[in-house]
N, C-alpha and C. Protein backbone atom coordinates (compact mmCIF):
# COMPACT_ATOMS: atom_id res chain seq x y z
N MET A 1 1.15 -0.81 -0.01
CA MET A 1 -0.19 0.04 -0.11
C MET A 1 0.91 1.11 0.15
N ASP A 2 0.63 2.28 -0.93
CA ASP A 2 1.41 3.75 -0.91
C ASP A 2 0.52 4.38 -0.32
N SER A 3 0.95 5.50 0.76
CA SER A 3 0.09 6.09 1.05
C SER A 3 1.01 7.64 0.38
N THR A 4 0.84 8.99 0.00
CA THR A 4 1.26 10.01 -0.55
C THR A 4 1.09 11.34 0.62
N ASN A 5 2.19 11.89 1.30
CA ASN A 5 2.21 13.12 1.51
C ASN A 5 2.32 13.94 0.66
N HIS A 6 2.58 15.35 0.76
CA HIS A 6 2.95 16.51 -0.13
C HIS A 6 4.10 16.30 -0.89
N ARG A 7 5.38 15.76 -0.56
CA ARG A 7 6.43 15.59 -0.79
C ARG A 7 7.00 14.17 -1.41
N GLN A 8 6.75 12.70 -1.08
CA GLN A 8 7.34 12.18 -1.49
C GLN A 8 6.25 10.76 -0.95
N ILE A 9 6.82 9.43 -1.75
CA ILE A 9 6.02 8.36 -1.68
C ILE A 9 6.71 7.38 -0.46
N VAL A 10 5.53 7.01 0.33
CA VAL A 10 6.05 6.15 1.42
C VAL A 10 5.42 4.83 1.08
N THR A 11 5.91 3.75 0.95
CA THR A 11 5.49 2.44 0.95
C THR A 11 5.44 1.68 2.86
N VAL A 12 4.19 1.48 3.14
CA VAL A 12 4.11 0.98 4.03
C VAL A 12 3.68 -0.25 4.60
N TYR A 13 4.38 -1.23 5.00
CA TYR A 13 4.20 -2.77 5.42
C TYR A 13 3.17 -2.67 6.67
N GLY A 14 2.64 -3.90 6.80
CA GLY A 14 1.46 -4.10 7.70
C GLY A 14 1.99 -4.49 8.57
N ASP A 15 3.33 -4.68 8.82
CA ASP A 15 3.93 -4.80 10.51
C ASP A 15 5.32 -3.90 10.63
N LYS A 16 4.45 -2.67 10.02
CA LYS A 16 4.95 -1.35 10.85
C LYS A 16 6.25 -1.12 10.35
N GLN A 17 6.75 -1.42 9.17
CA GLN A 17 7.85 -0.99 8.48
C GLN A 17 7.83 0.13 7.08
N TYR A 18 8.48 0.86 6.95
CA TYR A 18 8.43 2.01 6.06
C TYR A 18 9.26 2.59 4.92
N ILE A 19 9.23 2.75 4.12
CA ILE A 19 10.09 2.74 2.94
C ILE A 19 9.86 3.89 2.06
N THR A 20 10.58 5.44 2.71
CA THR A 20 10.66 6.51 2.07
C THR A 20 11.02 6.79 0.73
N GLY A 21 10.48 6.94 -0.25
CA GLY A 21 11.08 7.36 -1.53
C GLY A 21 10.84 6.34 -2.51
N LYS A 22 10.96 6.39 -4.03
CA LYS A 22 10.49 6.23 -4.74
C LYS A 22 11.31 4.96 -5.31
N ASP A 23 12.51 5.47 -5.53
CA ASP A 23 13.75 4.20 -6.25
C ASP A 23 14.10 3.96 -4.88
N HIS A 24 14.15 3.46 -4.07
CA HIS A 24 14.78 3.08 -2.84
C HIS A 24 15.28 1.45 -2.95
N LYS A 25 16.41 1.37 -3.00
CA LYS A 25 16.72 -0.26 -2.96
C LYS A 25 17.83 -0.11 -2.31
N PRO A 26 18.15 -1.38 -1.34
CA PRO A 26 19.44 -1.86 -0.49
C PRO A 26 20.47 -1.69 -1.60
N GLY A 27 21.58 -1.06 -0.50
CA GLY A 27 22.92 -0.89 -1.50
C GLY A 27 23.56 -1.88 -1.26
N ASP A 28 24.69 -2.18 -2.04
CA ASP A 28 25.84 -2.81 -1.73
C ASP A 28 26.22 -2.79 -0.44
N TYR A 29 26.36 -3.84 0.04
CA TYR A 29 26.91 -3.38 1.88
C TYR A 29 28.15 -3.91 1.64
N GLN A 30 29.08 -2.97 2.37
CA GLN A 30 30.23 -2.58 3.03
C GLN A 30 30.51 -3.09 4.38
N TYR A 31 31.57 -3.95 4.52
CA TYR A 31 31.72 -3.95 5.94
C TYR A 31 32.48 -2.81 6.27
N LEU A 32 32.57 -2.11 7.85
CA LEU A 32 33.50 -1.60 7.99
C LEU A 32 34.79 -1.89 8.74
N PRO A 33 36.02 -1.16 8.25
CA PRO A 33 36.67 -1.57 8.71
C PRO A 33 36.94 -1.87 10.46
N GLU A 34 37.75 -3.19 10.66
CA GLU A 34 37.17 -3.34 12.40
C GLU A 34 37.56 -2.43 13.26
N SER A 35 38.73 -1.41 13.20
CA SER A 35 38.97 -0.39 14.09
C SER A 35 37.28 0.20 14.03
N ILE A 36 36.62 0.66 13.04
CA ILE A 36 35.48 1.94 12.77
C ILE A 36 34.35 1.31 13.76
N TYR A 37 34.36 -0.23 12.80
CA TYR A 37 33.10 -0.91 13.45
C TYR A 37 33.14 -0.82 14.94
N ASN A 38 34.48 -0.91 15.58
CA ASN A 38 34.93 -1.31 17.17
C ASN A 38 34.41 0.25 18.10
N GLN A 39 34.58 0.82 17.24
CA GLN A 39 34.11 2.81 17.85
C GLN A 39 32.24 2.36 17.49
N ALA A 40 31.88 1.91 16.58
CA ALA A 40 30.57 2.39 16.02
C ALA A 40 29.78 1.31 17.30
N LEU A 41 30.35 -0.07 17.97
CA LEU A 41 29.60 -0.81 18.77
C LEU A 41 29.87 0.01 20.16
N ASP A 42 30.48 1.03 20.25
CA ASP A 42 30.74 1.76 21.73
C ASP A 42 30.07 2.70 21.35
N THR A 43 29.30 3.24 20.67
CA THR A 43 28.69 4.34 20.34
C THR A 43 27.03 4.19 19.84
N LEU A 44 26.72 3.30 18.91
CA LEU A 44 26.01 3.07 18.06
C LEU A 44 24.93 1.59 18.89
N VAL A 45 24.11 1.90 18.77
CA VAL A 45 22.67 0.77 18.72
C VAL A 45 22.83 -0.10 17.44
N ILE A 46 22.95 -1.60 17.89
CA ILE A 46 22.89 -1.92 16.40
C ILE A 46 21.61 -2.87 16.41
N GLY A 47 21.22 -2.69 14.64
CA GLY A 47 19.83 -3.22 14.60
C GLY A 47 20.20 -4.67 14.55
N CYS A 48 19.18 -6.09 14.69
CA CYS A 48 19.75 -7.21 14.34
C CYS A 48 17.87 -7.84 13.84
N VAL A 49 18.12 -8.89 13.20
CA VAL A 49 17.12 -9.85 13.03
C VAL A 49 17.48 -10.91 13.60
N ASP A 50 16.59 -11.71 14.24
CA ASP A 50 16.93 -12.98 15.01
C ASP A 50 15.61 -14.00 14.80
N VAL A 51 16.28 -15.01 14.35
CA VAL A 51 15.01 -16.15 13.89
C VAL A 51 15.01 -17.07 15.08
N VAL A 52 13.54 -17.69 15.01
CA VAL A 52 13.13 -18.79 15.84
C VAL A 52 12.97 -19.66 14.93
N PRO A 53 14.16 -20.83 14.24
CA PRO A 53 12.80 -22.09 13.45
C PRO A 53 12.23 -22.86 14.36
N MET A 54 11.06 -23.19 14.13
CA MET A 54 10.14 -23.98 14.12
C MET A 54 9.62 -25.65 13.17
N TYR A 55 9.82 -26.51 14.08
CA TYR A 55 9.68 -27.56 13.80
C TYR A 55 8.83 -28.42 14.57
N ASN A 56 7.54 -29.25 14.32
CA ASN A 56 6.86 -29.83 14.53
C ASN A 56 6.70 -29.70 16.66
N GLY A 57 6.57 -28.05 16.49
CA GLY A 57 5.85 -27.78 17.65
C GLY A 57 7.38 -27.26 18.59
N ARG A 58 8.36 -27.78 18.26
CA ARG A 58 9.70 -27.32 18.76
C ARG A 58 10.56 -26.54 18.07
N ILE A 59 11.37 -25.53 19.16
CA ILE A 59 12.57 -24.34 18.53
C ILE A 59 13.51 -24.83 18.35
N LEU A 60 14.45 -24.64 17.31
CA LEU A 60 15.48 -24.77 17.41
C LEU A 60 16.31 -23.42 18.10
N ILE A 61 17.23 -24.00 18.92
CA ILE A 61 18.25 -22.90 19.89
C ILE A 61 19.61 -23.25 19.61
N GLY A 62 20.58 -21.94 19.34
CA GLY A 62 21.76 -22.88 19.09
C GLY A 62 22.76 -22.55 20.90
N LEU A 63 24.05 -23.32 20.76
CA LEU A 63 25.08 -22.67 22.01
C LEU A 63 26.08 -22.30 20.89
N ARG A 64 26.26 -20.82 21.61
CA ARG A 64 26.89 -20.02 20.32
C ARG A 64 27.89 -19.99 21.00
N ALA A 65 29.08 -19.66 20.62
CA ALA A 65 30.65 -20.29 20.47
C ALA A 65 31.35 -18.62 20.89
N TRP A 66 30.36 -17.58 20.77
CA TRP A 66 30.85 -16.38 20.11
C TRP A 66 30.21 -15.49 21.35
N GLU A 67 30.90 -14.31 21.78
CA GLU A 67 30.01 -13.59 22.38
C GLU A 67 29.37 -12.39 21.28
N PRO A 68 28.43 -11.71 22.39
CA PRO A 68 28.13 -11.61 23.40
C PRO A 68 27.00 -12.39 24.19
N GLN A 69 26.68 -13.49 23.70
CA GLN A 69 26.02 -14.53 24.39
C GLN A 69 26.33 -16.11 24.24
N ARG A 70 27.31 -16.15 24.84
CA ARG A 70 28.19 -17.52 24.64
C ARG A 70 27.14 -18.44 25.82
N ASP A 71 25.89 -18.87 25.13
CA ASP A 71 25.15 -19.60 25.71
C ASP A 71 24.16 -19.53 24.66
N TRP A 72 22.71 -20.39 25.34
CA TRP A 72 21.74 -21.20 24.38
C TRP A 72 21.64 -19.73 23.45
N TRP A 73 20.73 -19.54 22.40
CA TRP A 73 20.26 -18.24 22.08
C TRP A 73 19.35 -18.75 20.40
N CYS A 74 19.08 -17.52 20.20
CA CYS A 74 18.44 -18.00 18.93
C CYS A 74 19.50 -17.60 17.66
N PHE A 75 19.24 -17.63 16.37
CA PHE A 75 19.95 -17.54 15.37
C PHE A 75 19.67 -16.23 14.25
N GLY A 76 20.81 -15.02 14.03
CA GLY A 76 20.87 -14.21 13.30
C GLY A 76 21.80 -13.24 13.31
N GLY A 77 21.45 -11.63 13.41
CA GLY A 77 22.68 -11.04 13.24
C GLY A 77 22.22 -9.65 12.36
N ARG A 78 23.37 -9.03 12.13
CA ARG A 78 22.67 -7.54 11.91
C ARG A 78 22.17 -7.50 10.49
N MET A 79 21.28 -6.28 10.67
CA MET A 79 20.86 -6.03 9.50
C MET A 79 21.68 -4.79 8.44
N ARG A 80 21.28 -5.21 7.28
CA ARG A 80 21.67 -4.30 6.41
C ARG A 80 21.06 -3.18 6.09
N LYS A 81 21.78 -2.05 5.84
CA LYS A 81 20.88 -0.78 5.18
C LYS A 81 20.19 -1.04 4.01
N GLY A 82 18.69 -0.96 4.39
CA GLY A 82 17.74 -0.78 3.22
C GLY A 82 16.66 -2.36 3.03
N GLU A 83 16.85 -2.97 4.23
CA GLU A 83 16.40 -4.33 3.94
C GLU A 83 15.55 -4.31 5.20
N LEU A 84 14.40 -4.84 4.48
CA LEU A 84 13.20 -4.88 5.74
C LEU A 84 13.62 -6.60 6.27
N TYR A 85 12.49 -6.08 7.81
CA TYR A 85 13.07 -7.56 8.71
C TYR A 85 13.01 -9.03 7.83
N GLN A 86 12.33 -9.01 6.94
CA GLN A 86 11.94 -10.18 6.63
C GLN A 86 12.97 -11.00 5.65
N ALA A 87 13.77 -10.03 4.67
CA ALA A 87 14.89 -9.68 3.82
C ALA A 87 15.85 -10.23 4.87
N ALA A 88 16.31 -9.66 5.70
CA ALA A 88 17.66 -9.46 7.06
C ALA A 88 18.07 -11.13 7.65
N ALA A 89 15.76 -11.41 7.98
CA ALA A 89 15.76 -12.81 8.86
C ALA A 89 16.24 -14.06 7.64
N ALA A 90 15.65 -13.85 6.31
CA ALA A 90 16.44 -15.12 4.99
C ALA A 90 17.57 -14.73 5.08
N ARG A 91 18.52 -13.85 4.51
CA ARG A 91 19.80 -13.59 4.83
C ARG A 91 20.57 -14.40 5.72
N ASN A 92 20.02 -13.84 7.26
CA ASN A 92 20.74 -14.10 8.34
C ASN A 92 20.25 -16.06 8.48
N VAL A 93 19.42 -16.56 8.55
CA VAL A 93 18.88 -17.94 8.56
C VAL A 93 19.73 -18.57 7.11
N LYS A 94 19.87 -18.58 5.77
CA LYS A 94 21.12 -18.97 4.97
C LYS A 94 22.24 -19.49 5.70
N ARG A 95 22.87 -17.90 6.06
CA ARG A 95 24.22 -17.73 6.58
C ARG A 95 24.22 -18.96 7.76
N GLU A 96 23.70 -18.64 8.74
CA GLU A 96 23.92 -19.20 10.09
C GLU A 96 23.36 -20.58 9.95
N LEU A 97 22.11 -20.92 9.36
CA LEU A 97 21.70 -22.51 9.38
C LEU A 97 22.01 -23.08 8.38
N PHE A 98 21.60 -22.50 7.32
CA PHE A 98 22.42 -23.76 6.04
C PHE A 98 23.58 -23.17 5.66
N SER A 99 24.76 -23.25 6.20
CA SER A 99 26.20 -22.68 5.83
C SER A 99 26.87 -23.87 4.53
N GLY A 100 26.66 -23.16 3.47
CA GLY A 100 27.53 -23.52 2.33
C GLY A 100 26.05 -24.26 1.33
N ASP A 101 25.35 -24.43 1.85
CA ASP A 101 24.03 -25.05 0.80
C ASP A 101 23.61 -24.22 0.21
N ASP A 102 23.89 -24.02 -0.96
CA ASP A 102 23.24 -23.31 -1.86
C ASP A 102 21.80 -23.37 -2.61
N GLU A 103 21.71 -24.77 -2.36
CA GLU A 103 19.69 -24.96 -2.53
C GLU A 103 19.04 -24.88 -1.64
N ILE A 104 19.40 -24.43 -0.84
CA ILE A 104 17.89 -23.96 0.07
C ILE A 104 18.08 -22.51 0.19
N GLU A 105 16.51 -22.07 0.01
CA GLU A 105 16.03 -20.80 -0.16
C GLU A 105 15.09 -20.35 0.43
N ILE A 106 15.22 -19.56 1.47
CA ILE A 106 13.74 -19.68 2.19
C ILE A 106 13.69 -17.96 1.84
N GLN A 107 12.19 -17.96 1.19
CA GLN A 107 11.56 -17.05 0.96
C GLN A 107 11.22 -16.16 2.18
N PRO A 108 11.20 -14.90 2.18
CA PRO A 108 10.99 -14.02 3.03
C PRO A 108 9.32 -13.25 3.48
N HIS A 109 8.67 -14.02 2.86
CA HIS A 109 6.96 -14.08 3.09
C HIS A 109 6.88 -15.09 4.29
N ARG A 110 7.65 -16.22 4.49
CA ARG A 110 7.63 -17.02 5.93
C ARG A 110 8.07 -16.37 6.89
N PHE A 111 8.24 -15.75 7.19
CA PHE A 111 8.85 -14.94 8.51
C PHE A 111 7.60 -14.67 8.98
N VAL A 112 7.56 -14.87 10.71
CA VAL A 112 5.99 -14.08 11.56
C VAL A 112 6.51 -13.18 12.68
N LEU A 113 7.06 -12.12 12.57
CA LEU A 113 7.04 -11.06 13.65
C LEU A 113 6.71 -11.70 14.83
N VAL A 114 7.86 -12.00 15.87
CA VAL A 114 7.57 -12.46 17.33
C VAL A 114 7.80 -11.23 18.32
N GLY A 115 8.66 -10.20 18.33
CA GLY A 115 8.68 -9.51 19.04
C GLY A 115 10.15 -8.54 18.85
N VAL A 116 10.05 -7.25 19.73
CA VAL A 116 11.07 -6.54 19.24
C VAL A 116 11.88 -6.79 21.15
N TYR A 117 13.11 -6.74 20.72
CA TYR A 117 13.80 -6.74 22.88
C TYR A 117 14.82 -6.05 22.31
N ASN A 118 14.68 -5.15 23.41
CA ASN A 118 16.58 -4.25 23.76
C ASN A 118 17.52 -5.16 24.59
N LEU A 119 18.27 -5.41 24.03
CA LEU A 119 19.39 -5.85 24.48
C LEU A 119 20.93 -5.46 24.70
N ILE A 120 21.10 -5.15 26.14
CA ILE A 120 22.34 -4.53 26.52
C ILE A 120 23.11 -5.47 26.70
N TRP A 121 24.71 -5.76 25.96
CA TRP A 121 25.28 -6.82 26.49
C TRP A 121 26.63 -6.48 26.93
N ASN A 122 27.28 -7.10 28.04
CA ASN A 122 28.61 -6.61 28.84
C ASN A 122 29.59 -6.75 28.16
N ARG A 123 29.67 -7.83 27.39
CA ARG A 123 30.70 -8.26 26.59
C ARG A 123 30.30 -8.10 25.08
N ARG A 124 31.36 -8.46 24.18
CA ARG A 124 31.25 -8.69 22.84
C ARG A 124 31.70 -9.20 22.29
N ALA A 125 32.01 -9.46 20.76
CA ALA A 125 33.25 -10.24 20.09
C ALA A 125 34.13 -9.95 19.64
N GLN A 126 34.01 -8.33 19.38
CA GLN A 126 35.23 -7.41 19.21
C GLN A 126 36.06 -6.59 20.32
N GLU A 127 37.14 -6.61 19.92
CA GLU A 127 38.08 -6.07 21.18
C GLU A 127 37.64 -4.47 21.17
N PRO A 128 37.29 -3.69 22.40
CA PRO A 128 37.74 -4.39 23.84
C PRO A 128 36.66 -5.33 24.17
N VAL A 129 36.69 -6.52 24.41
CA VAL A 129 35.45 -7.30 24.34
C VAL A 129 34.51 -6.96 25.76
N GLU A 130 35.13 -6.40 26.92
CA GLU A 130 34.77 -5.67 28.01
C GLU A 130 34.17 -4.60 27.66
N ASN A 131 33.77 -4.04 26.55
CA ASN A 131 33.27 -2.77 26.54
C ASN A 131 31.79 -3.25 26.23
N GLY A 132 31.22 -4.15 25.46
CA GLY A 132 30.44 -4.24 25.12
C GLY A 132 29.22 -4.07 24.23
N CYS A 133 27.89 -4.33 24.35
CA CYS A 133 27.23 -3.58 23.19
C CYS A 133 26.06 -3.77 23.34
N HIS A 134 25.20 -2.52 22.30
CA HIS A 134 23.68 -2.60 22.74
C HIS A 134 22.92 -2.91 21.24
N MET A 135 22.10 -3.45 21.76
CA MET A 135 21.43 -4.34 20.19
C MET A 135 19.81 -4.18 20.06
N LEU A 136 19.16 -3.99 19.47
CA LEU A 136 17.80 -3.73 19.17
C LEU A 136 17.69 -5.51 18.13
N SER A 137 16.85 -6.20 18.54
CA SER A 137 16.76 -7.63 18.05
C SER A 137 15.18 -7.44 17.47
N VAL A 138 15.19 -7.57 16.34
CA VAL A 138 14.17 -7.54 15.79
C VAL A 138 13.91 -9.35 15.71
N THR A 139 12.70 -9.90 16.26
CA THR A 139 12.69 -11.75 16.26
C THR A 139 11.97 -12.28 15.47
N MET A 140 11.87 -13.28 14.68
CA MET A 140 11.01 -13.64 13.46
C MET A 140 11.14 -15.14 13.92
N LEU A 141 10.19 -16.00 13.52
CA LEU A 141 9.79 -17.09 13.87
C LEU A 141 9.19 -17.94 12.39
N LEU A 142 10.13 -19.15 12.17
CA LEU A 142 10.00 -19.66 10.80
C LEU A 142 9.92 -20.74 10.88
N HIS A 143 8.55 -21.43 10.25
CA HIS A 143 7.94 -22.75 10.44
C HIS A 143 8.97 -23.35 9.14
N LEU A 144 9.96 -24.33 9.70
CA LEU A 144 10.78 -25.16 8.76
C LEU A 144 10.02 -26.34 8.11
N ILE A 145 9.93 -26.48 6.49
CA ILE A 145 9.52 -27.78 6.18
C ILE A 145 10.56 -28.77 5.96
N ASP A 146 10.12 -30.23 5.79
CA ASP A 146 10.98 -31.04 6.58
C ASP A 146 12.22 -31.15 5.99
N SER A 147 12.11 -31.01 4.51
CA SER A 147 13.68 -30.51 3.52
C SER A 147 14.68 -30.03 4.48
N GLU A 148 13.93 -29.02 4.94
CA GLU A 148 14.88 -27.54 5.31
C GLU A 148 15.64 -28.30 7.00
N ALA A 149 13.80 -28.67 7.41
CA ALA A 149 15.18 -29.66 9.10
C ALA A 149 15.70 -30.65 9.13
N THR A 150 15.99 -31.06 8.08
CA THR A 150 16.81 -32.11 7.74
C THR A 150 18.37 -31.71 6.83
N SER A 151 18.13 -30.84 6.70
CA SER A 151 19.36 -29.85 5.90
C SER A 151 20.26 -28.66 6.92
N LEU A 152 19.96 -28.58 7.73
CA LEU A 152 20.01 -27.63 9.22
C LEU A 152 21.82 -27.83 9.12
N ARG A 153 22.65 -26.94 8.87
CA ARG A 153 23.99 -27.11 9.16
C ARG A 153 24.70 -25.62 9.71
N PRO A 154 24.53 -25.89 10.81
CA PRO A 154 24.80 -24.24 11.43
C PRO A 154 26.04 -23.98 11.12
N ASN A 155 26.33 -22.95 11.44
CA ASN A 155 27.80 -22.12 10.72
C ASN A 155 28.56 -22.37 11.80
N GLU A 156 30.07 -21.47 11.92
CA GLU A 156 30.99 -21.65 12.90
C GLU A 156 30.48 -21.00 14.41
N GLU A 157 29.52 -20.19 14.58
CA GLU A 157 28.97 -19.42 15.62
C GLU A 157 28.36 -20.23 16.49
N TYR A 158 28.14 -21.81 16.20
CA TYR A 158 27.10 -22.50 17.32
C TYR A 158 28.00 -23.69 17.49
N CYS A 159 28.01 -24.18 18.51
CA CYS A 159 28.96 -25.56 19.03
C CYS A 159 27.99 -26.47 18.69
N GLU A 160 27.01 -26.11 19.18
CA GLU A 160 25.67 -27.45 19.09
C GLU A 160 24.40 -26.92 19.23
N THR A 161 23.08 -27.54 18.12
CA THR A 161 22.22 -27.05 18.57
C THR A 161 20.97 -27.94 19.03
N ARG A 162 19.91 -27.48 19.53
CA ARG A 162 18.93 -28.21 20.28
C ARG A 162 17.66 -28.13 19.94
N TRP A 163 16.92 -29.08 19.65
CA TRP A 163 15.23 -28.87 19.37
C TRP A 163 14.43 -29.13 20.72
N ILE A 164 13.56 -28.00 20.85
CA ILE A 164 13.15 -27.80 22.38
C ILE A 164 11.88 -27.14 22.50
N LEU A 165 11.06 -27.52 23.23
CA LEU A 165 9.60 -27.38 22.89
C LEU A 165 9.37 -25.62 23.88
N PRO A 166 9.16 -25.07 23.71
CA PRO A 166 9.31 -23.45 23.98
C PRO A 166 8.85 -23.68 25.68
N ASP A 167 7.58 -24.61 25.88
CA ASP A 167 7.39 -24.77 27.51
C ASP A 167 8.60 -25.09 28.37
N ASP A 168 9.57 -25.93 27.77
CA ASP A 168 10.76 -26.69 28.10
C ASP A 168 11.72 -25.58 28.51
N ILE A 169 11.45 -24.58 27.95
CA ILE A 169 12.60 -23.03 28.05
C ILE A 169 11.35 -22.20 29.42
N ILE A 170 10.45 -22.22 29.19
CA ILE A 170 9.54 -21.35 29.82
C ILE A 170 9.52 -21.67 31.16
N HIS A 171 9.69 -23.11 31.58
CA HIS A 171 9.32 -23.86 32.90
C HIS A 171 10.78 -24.10 33.39
N HIS A 172 12.08 -23.64 32.75
CA HIS A 172 12.94 -23.35 33.23
C HIS A 172 13.62 -22.47 33.21
N PRO A 173 13.52 -21.46 34.06
CA PRO A 173 13.82 -19.77 33.51
C PRO A 173 15.43 -19.60 33.61
N ASN A 174 16.05 -20.42 34.76
CA ASN A 174 16.95 -20.17 35.80
C ASN A 174 18.44 -21.00 34.76
N ALA A 175 17.44 -21.94 33.64
CA ALA A 175 18.76 -22.38 32.70
C ALA A 175 18.89 -21.49 31.24
N TYR A 176 18.22 -20.12 31.12
CA TYR A 176 18.32 -19.46 30.18
C TYR A 176 18.54 -18.05 30.33
N HIS A 177 19.11 -17.38 29.20
CA HIS A 177 19.03 -15.98 29.40
C HIS A 177 17.32 -15.48 29.52
N PRO A 178 16.87 -14.45 30.24
CA PRO A 178 15.44 -14.11 30.61
C PRO A 178 14.94 -13.58 29.20
N CYS A 179 15.77 -13.12 28.02
CA CYS A 179 15.58 -12.84 27.20
C CYS A 179 15.25 -13.75 26.10
N LEU A 180 15.42 -15.05 26.23
CA LEU A 180 15.51 -16.07 25.26
C LEU A 180 13.77 -16.58 26.04
N VAL A 181 13.81 -16.61 27.61
CA VAL A 181 12.47 -17.30 28.18
C VAL A 181 11.44 -16.48 27.77
N GLN A 182 11.53 -15.16 27.63
CA GLN A 182 10.60 -14.17 26.70
C GLN A 182 10.04 -14.24 25.49
N ILE A 183 10.96 -14.86 24.94
CA ILE A 183 11.12 -15.02 23.11
C ILE A 183 10.16 -16.65 23.22
N ALA A 184 10.41 -17.14 23.87
CA ALA A 184 9.76 -18.70 24.22
C ALA A 184 8.27 -18.64 24.46
N LYS A 185 8.27 -17.37 25.44
CA LYS A 185 6.65 -17.18 26.09
C LYS A 185 5.94 -16.44 24.68
N ASP A 186 6.61 -15.48 24.06
CA ASP A 186 5.94 -15.22 22.83
C ASP A 186 5.91 -15.62 21.92
N VAL A 187 6.63 -16.81 21.44
CA VAL A 187 6.22 -17.87 20.41
C VAL A 187 5.34 -19.16 20.85
N ALA A 188 5.42 -19.27 22.38
CA ALA A 188 4.10 -19.83 22.28
C ALA A 188 2.51 -19.67 22.31
N GLU A 189 2.78 -17.94 22.71
CA GLU A 189 1.31 -17.35 22.44
C GLU A 189 0.85 -17.33 20.89
N ILE A 190 2.08 -16.72 20.31
CA ILE A 190 1.77 -16.59 18.28
C ILE A 190 1.48 -18.16 17.99
N SER A 191 2.00 -19.44 18.79
CA SER A 191 1.39 -20.73 18.20
C SER A 191 0.03 -20.82 18.68
N LYS A 192 -0.32 -20.25 19.80
CA LYS A 192 -1.88 -20.62 20.22
C LYS A 192 -2.90 -19.74 19.15
N ARG A 193 -2.30 -18.74 18.77
CA ARG A 193 -3.47 -17.71 18.46
C ARG A 193 -3.33 -17.98 17.04
N TYR A 194 -2.15 -18.35 16.19
CA TYR A 194 -2.02 -18.38 14.83
C TYR A 194 -2.22 -19.94 13.93
N LEU A 195 -1.84 -20.59 14.64
CA LEU A 195 -1.44 -21.74 14.04
C LEU A 195 -2.36 -22.93 14.51
């Protein structure tokens, strides 16, 4: 749906995303040099899109090998300039869960918004590690089909993965980060309403 004001066209998406301008296209993504990115982590909030895969009523979580959360977590990463949530989710899932599998293609329309979470970490992967970082995570749910569930190959960020019922996280809150517990509650609520 397009809505027009007196100067610009704004494309409005049902999940509260807005693109202002007629010819907006995501640009080529360029990585910042490490020293500049480290400075950015010290001063900016980083936008991320995380994904909770679901299959047969269970969600997939990963034991991360890297900061800022070297524990059980969901999958995902930074958004790129010009991306909608779903495009970032599809790209991040491909990189983190289907590492090296060119045949898997996840269409962006399959992702369902779970919630937005404000995460202020006391550590990070980049030096100086103890400076921490601040991330805003838009978290999406993805229902996997059989062929996707059997093709999972997590990348080097994860030591282990586990299929788990959301209720098993909810009922063992001391075993997981409080945000992961909240994500499990939100996924359980979405599952009751829509699935």
